[in-house]
Amino acid sequence: MDSHAHGLWFVVVTIFLALILSISPLDAEIAWARPDCLLLILVYWLLMLPERVGVIICWCCGILLDILQGAVLGQNAFALAVVAYIIQVSYQRLRMFSIGKQAAFVFLLELFHILVDQWAQNINGVAQTHWLVFLPALTTGLLWLLVRPIVAWLQRLFLVY
């Protein structure tokens, strides 16, 4: 078996689960706070396996998310591709950050993603004007504190390298 293909199934499963969580229905009260699970998983794999998960994978995941959410085609793809580029340029430095600093960085990445979404929706005349639209940036950043250690443990358990 090819050693590079060893953990590919686990990467695909985590991305698939993140996509499912991104479109699963939530109660109206907590829908505003939905964390961006796809961004969390993609950021993790971009940091840990930058030679296998990159801009093209993130762009494809973004197009798939656009289709699944019925969003403007390309808005998530563009945002996730830019996020991937930012991480690929500086992943060695980002990996050295503490988990708290990484969470703050994930917060900023999600804020960028939200701003791109709002920009694309504003062009189409359907943008949200409520301040709660920025709440997912906070929940995504906080969830990084939980997701990163869990996925890292699973990565070691399943020998994904």
N, C-alpha and C. Protein backbone atom coordinates (compact mmCIF):
# COMPACT_ATOMS: atom_id res chain seq x y z
N MET A 1 0.84 -1.18 0.00
CA MET A 1 0.00 0.00 0.00
C MET A 1 0.89 1.24 0.00
N ASP A 2 0.51 2.23 -0.78
CA ASP A 2 1.26 3.49 -0.86
C ASP A 2 1.16 4.22 0.47
N SER A 3 2.30 4.63 1.02
CA SER A 3 2.28 5.29 2.33
C SER A 3 1.59 6.64 2.29
N HIS A 4 1.62 7.34 1.14
CA HIS A 4 0.94 8.63 1.06
C HIS A 4 -0.58 8.47 0.99
N ALA A 5 -1.06 7.36 0.49
CA ALA A 5 -2.50 7.14 0.39
C ALA A 5 -3.06 6.53 1.67
N HIS A 6 -2.19 6.24 2.63
CA HIS A 6 -2.60 5.55 3.85
C HIS A 6 -3.75 6.25 4.57
N GLY A 7 -3.65 7.53 4.80
CA GLY A 7 -4.66 8.22 5.58
C GLY A 7 -5.63 9.06 4.77
N LEU A 8 -5.58 8.92 3.46
CA LEU A 8 -6.45 9.74 2.62
C LEU A 8 -7.92 9.52 2.95
N TRP A 9 -8.30 8.31 3.26
CA TRP A 9 -9.70 8.03 3.58
C TRP A 9 -10.15 8.84 4.80
N PHE A 10 -9.27 9.00 5.79
CA PHE A 10 -9.65 9.73 6.99
C PHE A 10 -9.83 11.22 6.70
N VAL A 11 -8.97 11.78 5.86
CA VAL A 11 -9.11 13.18 5.47
C VAL A 11 -10.44 13.39 4.75
N VAL A 12 -10.77 12.50 3.82
CA VAL A 12 -12.03 12.60 3.07
C VAL A 12 -13.22 12.47 4.00
N VAL A 13 -13.18 11.54 4.94
CA VAL A 13 -14.29 11.35 5.88
C VAL A 13 -14.49 12.60 6.73
N THR A 14 -13.41 13.20 7.23
CA THR A 14 -13.56 14.40 8.06
C THR A 14 -14.14 15.57 7.26
N ILE A 15 -13.72 15.70 6.02
CA ILE A 15 -14.27 16.77 5.17
C ILE A 15 -15.74 16.50 4.88
N PHE A 16 -16.08 15.25 4.60
CA PHE A 16 -17.48 14.89 4.35
C PHE A 16 -18.34 15.18 5.58
N LEU A 17 -17.87 14.80 6.77
CA LEU A 17 -18.63 15.08 7.99
C LEU A 17 -18.77 16.58 8.23
N ALA A 18 -17.73 17.34 7.92
CA ALA A 18 -17.82 18.80 8.07
C ALA A 18 -18.85 19.39 7.11
N LEU A 19 -18.91 18.87 5.89
CA LEU A 19 -19.93 19.32 4.94
C LEU A 19 -21.33 19.00 5.44
N ILE A 20 -21.52 17.80 5.98
CA ILE A 20 -22.82 17.41 6.53
C ILE A 20 -23.21 18.33 7.68
N LEU A 21 -22.28 18.61 8.58
CA LEU A 21 -22.56 19.51 9.70
C LEU A 21 -22.86 20.93 9.22
N SER A 22 -22.28 21.33 8.10
CA SER A 22 -22.50 22.68 7.57
C SER A 22 -23.90 22.88 7.01
N ILE A 23 -24.55 21.80 6.61
CA ILE A 23 -25.90 21.94 6.03
C ILE A 23 -26.98 21.34 6.91
N SER A 24 -26.62 20.75 8.04
CA SER A 24 -27.63 20.16 8.91
C SER A 24 -28.50 21.26 9.52
N PRO A 25 -29.80 21.01 9.61
CA PRO A 25 -30.70 22.04 10.14
C PRO A 25 -30.50 22.27 11.64
N LEU A 26 -30.65 23.52 12.03
CA LEU A 26 -30.54 23.92 13.44
C LEU A 26 -31.76 24.73 13.83
N ASP A 27 -32.05 24.79 15.13
CA ASP A 27 -33.12 25.65 15.62
C ASP A 27 -32.79 27.10 15.30
N ALA A 28 -33.83 27.90 15.10
CA ALA A 28 -33.64 29.30 14.73
C ALA A 28 -32.84 30.07 15.78
N GLU A 29 -32.98 29.68 17.05
CA GLU A 29 -32.29 30.40 18.13
C GLU A 29 -30.78 30.22 18.07
N ILE A 30 -30.32 29.06 17.62
CA ILE A 30 -28.88 28.81 17.59
C ILE A 30 -28.30 28.82 16.18
N ALA A 31 -29.13 29.00 15.18
CA ALA A 31 -28.64 28.99 13.80
C ALA A 31 -27.65 30.13 13.54
N TRP A 32 -27.83 31.25 14.21
CA TRP A 32 -26.92 32.39 14.02
C TRP A 32 -25.51 32.05 14.48
N ALA A 33 -25.39 31.13 15.43
CA ALA A 33 -24.08 30.83 16.03
C ALA A 33 -23.43 29.60 15.40
N ARG A 34 -23.96 29.10 14.28
CA ARG A 34 -23.40 27.88 13.67
C ARG A 34 -21.93 28.08 13.34
N PRO A 35 -21.07 27.25 13.95
CA PRO A 35 -19.64 27.34 13.61
C PRO A 35 -19.39 26.80 12.20
N ASP A 36 -18.35 27.27 11.59
CA ASP A 36 -18.00 26.84 10.24
C ASP A 36 -17.12 25.58 10.35
N CYS A 37 -17.78 24.43 10.39
CA CYS A 37 -17.07 23.16 10.57
C CYS A 37 -16.15 22.85 9.41
N LEU A 38 -16.57 23.20 8.19
CA LEU A 38 -15.72 22.93 7.04
C LEU A 38 -14.43 23.74 7.12
N LEU A 39 -14.53 24.99 7.50
CA LEU A 39 -13.33 25.82 7.65
C LEU A 39 -12.41 25.23 8.72
N LEU A 40 -12.98 24.78 9.83
CA LEU A 40 -12.16 24.20 10.90
C LEU A 40 -11.38 22.99 10.42
N ILE A 41 -12.06 22.08 9.73
CA ILE A 41 -11.39 20.86 9.26
C ILE A 41 -10.37 21.19 8.18
N LEU A 42 -10.71 22.07 7.27
CA LEU A 42 -9.76 22.43 6.22
C LEU A 42 -8.53 23.13 6.80
N VAL A 43 -8.72 24.01 7.76
CA VAL A 43 -7.58 24.68 8.40
C VAL A 43 -6.69 23.63 9.08
N TYR A 44 -7.31 22.67 9.75
CA TYR A 44 -6.51 21.64 10.41
C TYR A 44 -5.65 20.89 9.40
N TRP A 45 -6.27 20.41 8.31
CA TRP A 45 -5.51 19.63 7.33
C TRP A 45 -4.51 20.50 6.58
N LEU A 46 -4.83 21.77 6.36
CA LEU A 46 -3.87 22.67 5.72
C LEU A 46 -2.63 22.85 6.59
N LEU A 47 -2.82 22.88 7.90
CA LEU A 47 -1.68 23.02 8.81
C LEU A 47 -0.89 21.72 8.96
N MET A 48 -1.60 20.60 9.02
CA MET A 48 -0.94 19.33 9.30
C MET A 48 -0.44 18.60 8.05
N LEU A 49 -1.16 18.72 6.95
CA LEU A 49 -0.78 18.03 5.71
C LEU A 49 -0.80 19.00 4.54
N PRO A 50 0.05 20.03 4.58
CA PRO A 50 0.00 21.05 3.53
C PRO A 50 0.38 20.54 2.14
N GLU A 51 1.09 19.42 2.09
CA GLU A 51 1.47 18.87 0.79
C GLU A 51 0.33 18.06 0.16
N ARG A 52 -0.70 17.73 0.94
CA ARG A 52 -1.81 16.93 0.43
C ARG A 52 -3.12 17.70 0.33
N VAL A 53 -3.32 18.67 1.20
CA VAL A 53 -4.53 19.49 1.18
C VAL A 53 -4.10 20.92 0.90
N GLY A 54 -4.61 21.48 -0.19
CA GLY A 54 -4.18 22.80 -0.60
C GLY A 54 -5.31 23.64 -1.16
N VAL A 55 -4.93 24.60 -1.95
CA VAL A 55 -5.88 25.58 -2.49
C VAL A 55 -6.94 24.89 -3.37
N ILE A 56 -6.53 23.96 -4.20
CA ILE A 56 -7.47 23.30 -5.11
C ILE A 56 -8.51 22.49 -4.33
N ILE A 57 -8.06 21.75 -3.33
CA ILE A 57 -8.99 20.96 -2.50
C ILE A 57 -9.98 21.91 -1.81
N CYS A 58 -9.48 23.01 -1.25
CA CYS A 58 -10.35 23.96 -0.57
C CYS A 58 -11.33 24.61 -1.54
N TRP A 59 -10.87 24.93 -2.74
CA TRP A 59 -11.75 25.52 -3.74
C TRP A 59 -12.86 24.53 -4.11
N CYS A 60 -12.51 23.27 -4.30
CA CYS A 60 -13.51 22.25 -4.64
C CYS A 60 -14.51 22.06 -3.50
N CYS A 61 -14.03 22.05 -2.27
CA CYS A 61 -14.93 21.96 -1.11
C CYS A 61 -15.85 23.16 -1.04
N GLY A 62 -15.32 24.35 -1.38
CA GLY A 62 -16.14 25.55 -1.39
C GLY A 62 -17.23 25.51 -2.44
N ILE A 63 -16.89 25.01 -3.64
CA ILE A 63 -17.90 24.87 -4.69
C ILE A 63 -18.98 23.89 -4.25
N LEU A 64 -18.57 22.78 -3.64
CA LEU A 64 -19.53 21.81 -3.14
C LEU A 64 -20.42 22.41 -2.06
N LEU A 65 -19.83 23.21 -1.18
CA LEU A 65 -20.62 23.88 -0.14
C LEU A 65 -21.59 24.89 -0.75
N ASP A 66 -21.15 25.62 -1.77
CA ASP A 66 -22.05 26.55 -2.47
C ASP A 66 -23.26 25.81 -3.03
N ILE A 67 -23.01 24.68 -3.64
CA ILE A 67 -24.10 23.89 -4.22
C ILE A 67 -25.03 23.36 -3.13
N LEU A 68 -24.46 22.83 -2.05
CA LEU A 68 -25.26 22.27 -0.97
C LEU A 68 -26.09 23.33 -0.25
N GLN A 69 -25.55 24.52 -0.09
CA GLN A 69 -26.25 25.59 0.62
C GLN A 69 -27.13 26.43 -0.30
N GLY A 70 -26.96 26.28 -1.59
CA GLY A 70 -27.71 27.10 -2.53
C GLY A 70 -27.20 28.54 -2.53
N ALA A 71 -25.94 28.71 -2.23
CA ALA A 71 -25.34 30.05 -2.17
C ALA A 71 -24.90 30.47 -3.57
N VAL A 72 -24.48 31.71 -3.67
CA VAL A 72 -23.94 32.22 -4.92
C VAL A 72 -22.75 31.35 -5.29
N LEU A 73 -22.76 30.80 -6.48
CA LEU A 73 -21.72 29.87 -6.89
C LEU A 73 -20.35 30.57 -6.92
N GLY A 74 -19.46 30.10 -6.09
CA GLY A 74 -18.11 30.63 -6.04
C GLY A 74 -17.80 31.44 -4.79
N GLN A 75 -18.80 31.85 -4.02
CA GLN A 75 -18.49 32.69 -2.86
C GLN A 75 -17.72 31.91 -1.80
N ASN A 76 -18.15 30.70 -1.46
CA ASN A 76 -17.41 29.89 -0.50
C ASN A 76 -16.11 29.38 -1.11
N ALA A 77 -16.15 29.06 -2.39
CA ALA A 77 -14.95 28.58 -3.07
C ALA A 77 -13.85 29.64 -3.03
N PHE A 78 -14.20 30.87 -3.34
CA PHE A 78 -13.22 31.96 -3.31
C PHE A 78 -12.66 32.16 -1.91
N ALA A 79 -13.56 32.24 -0.93
CA ALA A 79 -13.13 32.49 0.45
C ALA A 79 -12.23 31.37 0.96
N LEU A 80 -12.61 30.12 0.71
CA LEU A 80 -11.80 29.01 1.20
C LEU A 80 -10.47 28.90 0.46
N ALA A 81 -10.45 29.25 -0.82
CA ALA A 81 -9.19 29.23 -1.57
C ALA A 81 -8.23 30.30 -1.03
N VAL A 82 -8.75 31.47 -0.70
CA VAL A 82 -7.89 32.52 -0.14
C VAL A 82 -7.39 32.11 1.25
N VAL A 83 -8.27 31.51 2.05
CA VAL A 83 -7.87 31.02 3.37
C VAL A 83 -6.75 29.99 3.21
N ALA A 84 -6.91 29.08 2.25
CA ALA A 84 -5.88 28.06 2.01
C ALA A 84 -4.56 28.70 1.60
N TYR A 85 -4.63 29.72 0.76
CA TYR A 85 -3.40 30.39 0.33
C TYR A 85 -2.71 31.06 1.52
N ILE A 86 -3.48 31.73 2.35
CA ILE A 86 -2.91 32.40 3.53
C ILE A 86 -2.21 31.38 4.43
N ILE A 87 -2.85 30.25 4.63
CA ILE A 87 -2.25 29.22 5.50
C ILE A 87 -1.03 28.59 4.84
N GLN A 88 -1.11 28.32 3.54
CA GLN A 88 0.04 27.69 2.88
C GLN A 88 1.26 28.59 2.86
N VAL A 89 1.06 29.88 2.80
CA VAL A 89 2.18 30.81 2.81
C VAL A 89 2.88 30.82 4.17
N SER A 90 2.11 30.58 5.24
CA SER A 90 2.68 30.73 6.58
C SER A 90 2.42 29.55 7.50
N TYR A 91 2.19 28.36 6.96
CA TYR A 91 1.82 27.23 7.81
C TYR A 91 2.92 26.84 8.80
N GLN A 92 4.18 26.99 8.43
CA GLN A 92 5.26 26.61 9.35
C GLN A 92 5.25 27.50 10.60
N ARG A 93 4.97 28.75 10.41
CA ARG A 93 4.90 29.68 11.54
C ARG A 93 3.63 29.41 12.35
N LEU A 94 2.51 29.17 11.66
CA LEU A 94 1.23 28.96 12.35
C LEU A 94 1.24 27.69 13.20
N ARG A 95 1.95 26.67 12.75
CA ARG A 95 2.03 25.43 13.51
C ARG A 95 2.75 25.63 14.84
N MET A 96 3.59 26.65 14.91
CA MET A 96 4.35 26.92 16.13
C MET A 96 3.55 27.74 17.14
N PHE A 97 2.44 28.34 16.70
CA PHE A 97 1.60 29.13 17.60
C PHE A 97 0.97 28.23 18.66
N SER A 98 0.68 28.82 19.81
CA SER A 98 -0.08 28.10 20.83
C SER A 98 -1.50 27.90 20.29
N ILE A 99 -2.23 26.99 20.92
CA ILE A 99 -3.58 26.71 20.45
C ILE A 99 -4.49 27.93 20.61
N GLY A 100 -4.21 28.77 21.60
CA GLY A 100 -4.99 29.99 21.78
C GLY A 100 -4.77 30.99 20.65
N LYS A 101 -3.50 31.15 20.25
CA LYS A 101 -3.19 32.03 19.12
C LYS A 101 -3.75 31.46 17.82
N GLN A 102 -3.72 30.14 17.67
CA GLN A 102 -4.32 29.53 16.50
C GLN A 102 -5.82 29.78 16.48
N ALA A 103 -6.47 29.71 17.63
CA ALA A 103 -7.91 29.97 17.71
C ALA A 103 -8.22 31.41 17.30
N ALA A 104 -7.39 32.34 17.72
CA ALA A 104 -7.57 33.73 17.31
C ALA A 104 -7.38 33.88 15.81
N PHE A 105 -6.43 33.16 15.24
CA PHE A 105 -6.21 33.20 13.81
C PHE A 105 -7.39 32.59 13.06
N VAL A 106 -7.93 31.49 13.57
CA VAL A 106 -9.12 30.87 12.97
C VAL A 106 -10.30 31.83 13.05
N PHE A 107 -10.43 32.56 14.15
CA PHE A 107 -11.46 33.59 14.28
C PHE A 107 -11.35 34.61 13.15
N LEU A 108 -10.14 35.08 12.88
CA LEU A 108 -9.92 36.06 11.81
C LEU A 108 -10.20 35.47 10.43
N LEU A 109 -9.83 34.22 10.22
CA LEU A 109 -10.11 33.57 8.94
C LEU A 109 -11.61 33.43 8.72
N GLU A 110 -12.33 33.06 9.77
CA GLU A 110 -13.79 32.94 9.65
C GLU A 110 -14.43 34.32 9.44
N LEU A 111 -13.90 35.32 10.08
CA LEU A 111 -14.40 36.68 9.87
C LEU A 111 -14.22 37.09 8.41
N PHE A 112 -13.08 36.77 7.82
CA PHE A 112 -12.85 37.03 6.40
C PHE A 112 -13.88 36.27 5.56
N HIS A 113 -14.12 35.00 5.90
CA HIS A 113 -15.09 34.19 5.17
C HIS A 113 -16.48 34.81 5.23
N ILE A 114 -16.87 35.29 6.40
CA ILE A 114 -18.18 35.94 6.56
C ILE A 114 -18.26 37.21 5.72
N LEU A 115 -17.19 37.99 5.73
CA LEU A 115 -17.19 39.23 4.95
C LEU A 115 -17.30 38.96 3.45
N VAL A 116 -16.64 37.92 2.97
CA VAL A 116 -16.77 37.55 1.56
C VAL A 116 -18.20 37.12 1.26
N ASP A 117 -18.79 36.31 2.16
CA ASP A 117 -20.18 35.90 1.98
C ASP A 117 -21.11 37.10 1.93
N GLN A 118 -20.93 38.04 2.84
CA GLN A 118 -21.79 39.22 2.88
C GLN A 118 -21.60 40.08 1.63
N TRP A 119 -20.37 40.18 1.17
CA TRP A 119 -20.10 40.94 -0.06
C TRP A 119 -20.82 40.31 -1.24
N ALA A 120 -20.70 38.98 -1.39
CA ALA A 120 -21.35 38.29 -2.51
C ALA A 120 -22.87 38.40 -2.41
N GLN A 121 -23.41 38.29 -1.21
CA GLN A 121 -24.86 38.40 -1.03
C GLN A 121 -25.34 39.83 -1.25
N ASN A 122 -24.52 40.80 -0.88
CA ASN A 122 -24.87 42.20 -1.08
C ASN A 122 -24.95 42.53 -2.57
N ILE A 123 -24.04 41.95 -3.35
CA ILE A 123 -24.09 42.16 -4.80
C ILE A 123 -25.41 41.65 -5.37
N ASN A 124 -25.92 40.57 -4.79
CA ASN A 124 -27.19 39.99 -5.24
C ASN A 124 -28.39 40.57 -4.52
N GLY A 125 -28.18 41.49 -3.60
CA GLY A 125 -29.28 42.16 -2.91
C GLY A 125 -29.92 41.36 -1.80
N VAL A 126 -29.23 40.38 -1.24
CA VAL A 126 -29.83 39.55 -0.19
C VAL A 126 -28.96 39.49 1.07
N ALA A 127 -28.12 40.46 1.31
CA ALA A 127 -27.20 40.43 2.46
C ALA A 127 -27.95 40.59 3.78
N GLN A 128 -27.43 39.94 4.82
CA GLN A 128 -27.96 40.10 6.18
C GLN A 128 -27.41 41.40 6.76
N THR A 129 -28.24 42.13 7.48
CA THR A 129 -27.78 43.39 8.06
C THR A 129 -27.70 43.33 9.58
N HIS A 130 -27.94 42.20 10.17
CA HIS A 130 -27.91 42.07 11.62
C HIS A 130 -26.49 41.76 12.09
N TRP A 131 -26.12 42.27 13.26
CA TRP A 131 -24.78 42.06 13.80
C TRP A 131 -24.51 40.60 14.13
N LEU A 132 -25.56 39.80 14.33
CA LEU A 132 -25.39 38.38 14.67
C LEU A 132 -24.75 37.58 13.53
N VAL A 133 -24.68 38.17 12.35
CA VAL A 133 -24.05 37.48 11.23
C VAL A 133 -22.57 37.20 11.52
N PHE A 134 -21.97 37.95 12.45
CA PHE A 134 -20.56 37.76 12.80
C PHE A 134 -20.35 36.78 13.96
N LEU A 135 -21.42 36.29 14.55
CA LEU A 135 -21.32 35.36 15.68
C LEU A 135 -20.60 34.04 15.32
N PRO A 136 -20.77 33.49 14.11
CA PRO A 136 -20.03 32.26 13.79
C PRO A 136 -18.51 32.41 13.86
N ALA A 137 -17.99 33.60 13.68
CA ALA A 137 -16.54 33.79 13.81
C ALA A 137 -16.11 33.47 15.24
N LEU A 138 -16.89 33.90 16.21
CA LEU A 138 -16.57 33.62 17.61
C LEU A 138 -16.70 32.14 17.92
N THR A 139 -17.81 31.53 17.51
CA THR A 139 -18.01 30.11 17.81
C THR A 139 -17.00 29.22 17.09
N THR A 140 -16.62 29.61 15.87
CA THR A 140 -15.63 28.83 15.13
C THR A 140 -14.26 28.92 15.81
N GLY A 141 -13.89 30.12 16.22
CA GLY A 141 -12.62 30.28 16.93
C GLY A 141 -12.58 29.51 18.23
N LEU A 142 -13.67 29.54 18.98
CA LEU A 142 -13.72 28.80 20.24
C LEU A 142 -13.74 27.29 20.02
N LEU A 143 -14.44 26.86 18.97
CA LEU A 143 -14.51 25.43 18.69
C LEU A 143 -13.16 24.86 18.28
N TRP A 144 -12.27 25.72 17.73
CA TRP A 144 -10.93 25.27 17.37
C TRP A 144 -10.22 24.68 18.59
N LEU A 145 -10.48 25.25 19.76
CA LEU A 145 -9.84 24.78 21.00
C LEU A 145 -10.22 23.34 21.32
N LEU A 146 -11.36 22.88 20.81
CA LEU A 146 -11.81 21.52 21.02
C LEU A 146 -11.48 20.62 19.82
N VAL A 147 -11.69 21.14 18.62
CA VAL A 147 -11.51 20.34 17.41
C VAL A 147 -10.05 19.97 17.18
N ARG A 148 -9.14 20.91 17.36
CA ARG A 148 -7.74 20.64 17.06
C ARG A 148 -7.18 19.46 17.86
N PRO A 149 -7.35 19.42 19.18
CA PRO A 149 -6.80 18.27 19.91
C PRO A 149 -7.50 16.95 19.57
N ILE A 150 -8.81 16.99 19.32
CA ILE A 150 -9.54 15.76 19.01
C ILE A 150 -9.10 15.20 17.66
N VAL A 151 -9.03 16.04 16.64
CA VAL A 151 -8.62 15.57 15.32
C VAL A 151 -7.15 15.16 15.34
N ALA A 152 -6.32 15.85 16.10
CA ALA A 152 -4.91 15.46 16.21
C ALA A 152 -4.79 14.07 16.84
N TRP A 153 -5.59 13.80 17.85
CA TRP A 153 -5.58 12.49 18.49
C TRP A 153 -6.04 11.42 17.50
N LEU A 154 -7.12 11.71 16.75
CA LEU A 154 -7.60 10.76 15.75
C LEU A 154 -6.58 10.56 14.63
N GLN A 155 -5.89 11.63 14.27
CA GLN A 155 -4.85 11.53 13.23
C GLN A 155 -3.75 10.57 13.67
N ARG A 156 -3.34 10.67 14.92
CA ARG A 156 -2.32 9.75 15.42
C ARG A 156 -2.87 8.33 15.54
N LEU A 157 -4.13 8.21 15.98
CA LEU A 157 -4.75 6.90 16.14
C LEU A 157 -4.83 6.15 14.82
N PHE A 158 -5.21 6.84 13.75
CA PHE A 158 -5.36 6.21 12.44
C PHE A 158 -4.11 6.32 11.57
N LEU A 159 -3.02 6.80 12.15
CA LEU A 159 -1.73 6.91 11.45
C LEU A 159 -1.84 7.68 10.15
N VAL A 160 -2.47 8.84 10.21
CA VAL A 160 -2.61 9.70 9.03
C VAL A 160 -1.39 10.60 8.99
N TYR A 161 -0.63 10.48 7.91
CA TYR A 161 0.58 11.29 7.76
C TYR A 161 0.82 11.61 6.32
